[in-house]
Every structure is written in C-alpha cells, then in structure tokens.
Amino acid sequence: MRVSVYARVSSERQEEKDLSIPAQLKALKRYAMERGWEVVAEYVDEAESARTAHRPKFKEMVAAARRRSKPFEAILV
C-alpha cells in the first residue's frame, strides 16, 4: 500500500519533548515499513497550531488525497 505521512509541531516546547518533526517522521516511516507499506509523500507543518486551519502542507495533502488519480491510499499521522 502507498501511504503519505504527516507531521506537525505547534511549539518549540513540543519539540523539546521528543515530539520533533524528525522523531515523528522516523516513527511513521518505521510503522509503514513494519507493515510493508511504501511512503510516497511527506507533509510537514512546523509551528502550526491545531486550533487554526492555517496548515498549508495539511491542505496540500488533503488536496492530493482528493485527486482522481490518487498518489497514496492512506495517510499516517
């Protein structure tokens, strides 16, 4: 299965608690690999709050998921 991964942090404090973008991406890729899934896209929003809809990469990912010719079959968050 082809999948996309999405990572986000909203503050430096989250990054300090090992919730950094690289740590999230590593965990998501490991999860996919353990299941034999292929990661075909990565989307990252840094310092973007979950309380706002201003998450450009998230919106880009959703737009890609809605395309007729789907680039991936699932999104890992």
C-alpha atoms as a PDB file:
ATOM      1  CA  MET A   1       0.000   0.000   0.000  1.00  0.00           C
ATOM      2  CA  ARG A   2       1.229   3.501  -0.807  1.00  0.00           C
ATOM      3  CA  VAL A   3       0.952   5.956   2.064  1.00  0.00           C
ATOM      4  CA  SER A   4       1.605   9.572   2.924  1.00  0.00           C
ATOM      5  CA  VAL A   5       2.960  10.750   6.273  1.00  0.00           C
ATOM      6  CA  TYR A   6       2.041  13.995   8.039  1.00  0.00           C
ATOM      7  CA  ALA A   7       3.960  15.559  10.915  1.00  0.00           C
ATOM      8  CA  ARG A   8       3.350  18.787  12.822  1.00  0.00           C
ATOM      9  CA  VAL A   9       4.589  20.624  15.876  1.00  0.00           C
ATOM     10  CA  SER A  10       2.961  23.742  17.207  1.00  0.00           C
ATOM     11  CA  SER A  11       5.679  24.946  19.550  1.00  0.00           C
ATOM     12  CA  GLU A  12       9.322  24.652  20.497  1.00  0.00           C
ATOM     13  CA  ARG A  13       8.176  23.106  23.756  1.00  0.00           C
ATOM     14  CA  GLN A  14       6.708  20.149  21.866  1.00  0.00           C
ATOM     15  CA  GLU A  15       9.992  19.687  20.018  1.00  0.00           C
ATOM     16  CA  GLU A  16      11.837  19.551  23.333  1.00  0.00           C
ATOM     17  CA  LYS A  17       9.605  16.674  24.500  1.00  0.00           C
ATOM     18  CA  ASP A  18      10.823  14.380  21.693  1.00  0.00           C
ATOM     19  CA  LEU A  19       7.815  15.221  19.561  1.00  0.00           C
ATOM     20  CA  SER A  20      10.065  16.804  16.966  1.00  0.00           C
ATOM     21  CA  ILE A  21       9.356  16.568  13.264  1.00  0.00           C
ATOM     22  CA  PRO A  22      12.280  14.166  12.667  1.00  0.00           C
ATOM     23  CA  ALA A  23      11.123  11.934  15.547  1.00  0.00           C
ATOM     24  CA  GLN A  24       7.555  11.854  14.216  1.00  0.00           C
ATOM     25  CA  LEU A  25       8.689  11.092  10.664  1.00  0.00           C
ATOM     26  CA  LYS A  26      11.006   8.330  11.883  1.00  0.00           C
ATOM     27  CA  ALA A  27       8.189   6.690  13.862  1.00  0.00           C
ATOM     28  CA  LEU A  28       5.728   6.974  10.984  1.00  0.00           C
ATOM     29  CA  LYS A  29       8.187   5.540   8.475  1.00  0.00           C
ATOM     30  CA  ARG A  30       9.053   2.674  10.820  1.00  0.00           C
ATOM     31  CA  TYR A  31       5.335   1.925  11.266  1.00  0.00           C
ATOM     32  CA  ALA A  32       4.876   1.835   7.490  1.00  0.00           C
ATOM     33  CA  MET A  33       7.978  -0.281   6.909  1.00  0.00           C
ATOM     34  CA  GLU A  34       6.881  -2.853   9.517  1.00  0.00           C
ATOM     35  CA  ARG A  35       3.699  -3.338   7.518  1.00  0.00           C
ATOM     36  CA  GLY A  36       5.360  -3.413   4.128  1.00  0.00           C
ATOM     37  CA  TRP A  37       3.847  -0.075   3.075  1.00  0.00           C
ATOM     38  CA  GLU A  38       5.622   2.379   0.799  1.00  0.00           C
ATOM     39  CA  VAL A  39       5.889   6.005   1.950  1.00  0.00           C
ATOM     40  CA  VAL A  40       5.406   8.037  -1.225  1.00  0.00           C
ATOM     41  CA  ALA A  41       4.898  11.522   0.250  1.00  0.00           C
ATOM     42  CA  GLU A  42       5.794  13.545   3.335  1.00  0.00           C
ATOM     43  CA  TYR A  43       3.937  16.630   4.511  1.00  0.00           C
ATOM     44  CA  VAL A  44       5.236  18.774   7.369  1.00  0.00           C
ATOM     45  CA  ASP A  45       3.817  21.871   9.058  1.00  0.00           C
ATOM     46  CA  GLU A  46       6.132  23.469  11.605  1.00  0.00           C
ATOM     47  CA  ALA A  47       4.894  25.779  14.350  1.00  0.00           C
ATOM     48  CA  GLU A  48       1.296  25.431  13.199  1.00  0.00           C
ATOM     49  CA  SER A  49      -1.415  25.281  15.833  1.00  0.00           C
ATOM     50  CA  ALA A  50      -4.093  22.613  15.741  1.00  0.00           C
ATOM     51  CA  ARG A  51      -6.543  25.367  16.652  1.00  0.00           C
ATOM     52  CA  THR A  52      -6.185  27.044  13.285  1.00  0.00           C
ATOM     53  CA  ALA A  53      -6.932  25.901   9.788  1.00  0.00           C
ATOM     54  CA  HIS A  54      -3.768  27.606   8.525  1.00  0.00           C
ATOM     55  CA  ARG A  55      -1.779  24.473   7.882  1.00  0.00           C
ATOM     56  CA  PRO A  56      -0.540  24.748   4.278  1.00  0.00           C
ATOM     57  CA  LYS A  57       1.007  21.289   3.950  1.00  0.00           C
ATOM     58  CA  PHE A  58      -2.017  19.652   5.551  1.00  0.00           C
ATOM     59  CA  LYS A  59      -4.242  21.367   2.992  1.00  0.00           C
ATOM     60  CA  GLU A  60      -1.874  20.289   0.199  1.00  0.00           C
ATOM     61  CA  MET A  61      -2.039  16.692   1.425  1.00  0.00           C
ATOM     62  CA  VAL A  62      -5.844  16.712   1.553  1.00  0.00           C
ATOM     63  CA  ALA A  63      -5.991  18.160  -1.966  1.00  0.00           C
ATOM     64  CA  ALA A  64      -3.691  15.377  -3.193  1.00  0.00           C
ATOM     65  CA  ALA A  65      -5.882  12.755  -1.499  1.00  0.00           C
ATOM     66  CA  ARG A  66      -8.922  14.104  -3.345  1.00  0.00           C
ATOM     67  CA  ARG A  67      -7.369  13.855  -6.814  1.00  0.00           C
ATOM     68  CA  ARG A  68      -8.882  11.427  -9.268  1.00  0.00           C
ATOM     69  CA  SER A  69      -5.551   9.634  -9.677  1.00  0.00           C
ATOM     70  CA  LYS A  70      -4.684   9.164  -6.031  1.00  0.00           C
ATOM     71  CA  PRO A  71      -0.951   9.377  -5.222  1.00  0.00           C
ATOM     72  CA  PHE A  72      -1.473   7.402  -1.979  1.00  0.00           C
ATOM     73  CA  GLU A  73      -4.075   5.185  -0.371  1.00  0.00           C
ATOM     74  CA  ALA A  74      -3.714   6.178   3.267  1.00  0.00           C
ATOM     75  CA  ILE A  75      -2.336   8.934   5.489  1.00  0.00           C
ATOM     76  CA  LEU A  76      -0.307   8.202   8.614  1.00  0.00           C
ATOM     77  CA  VAL A  77      -0.317  10.897  11.304  1.00  0.00           C
END
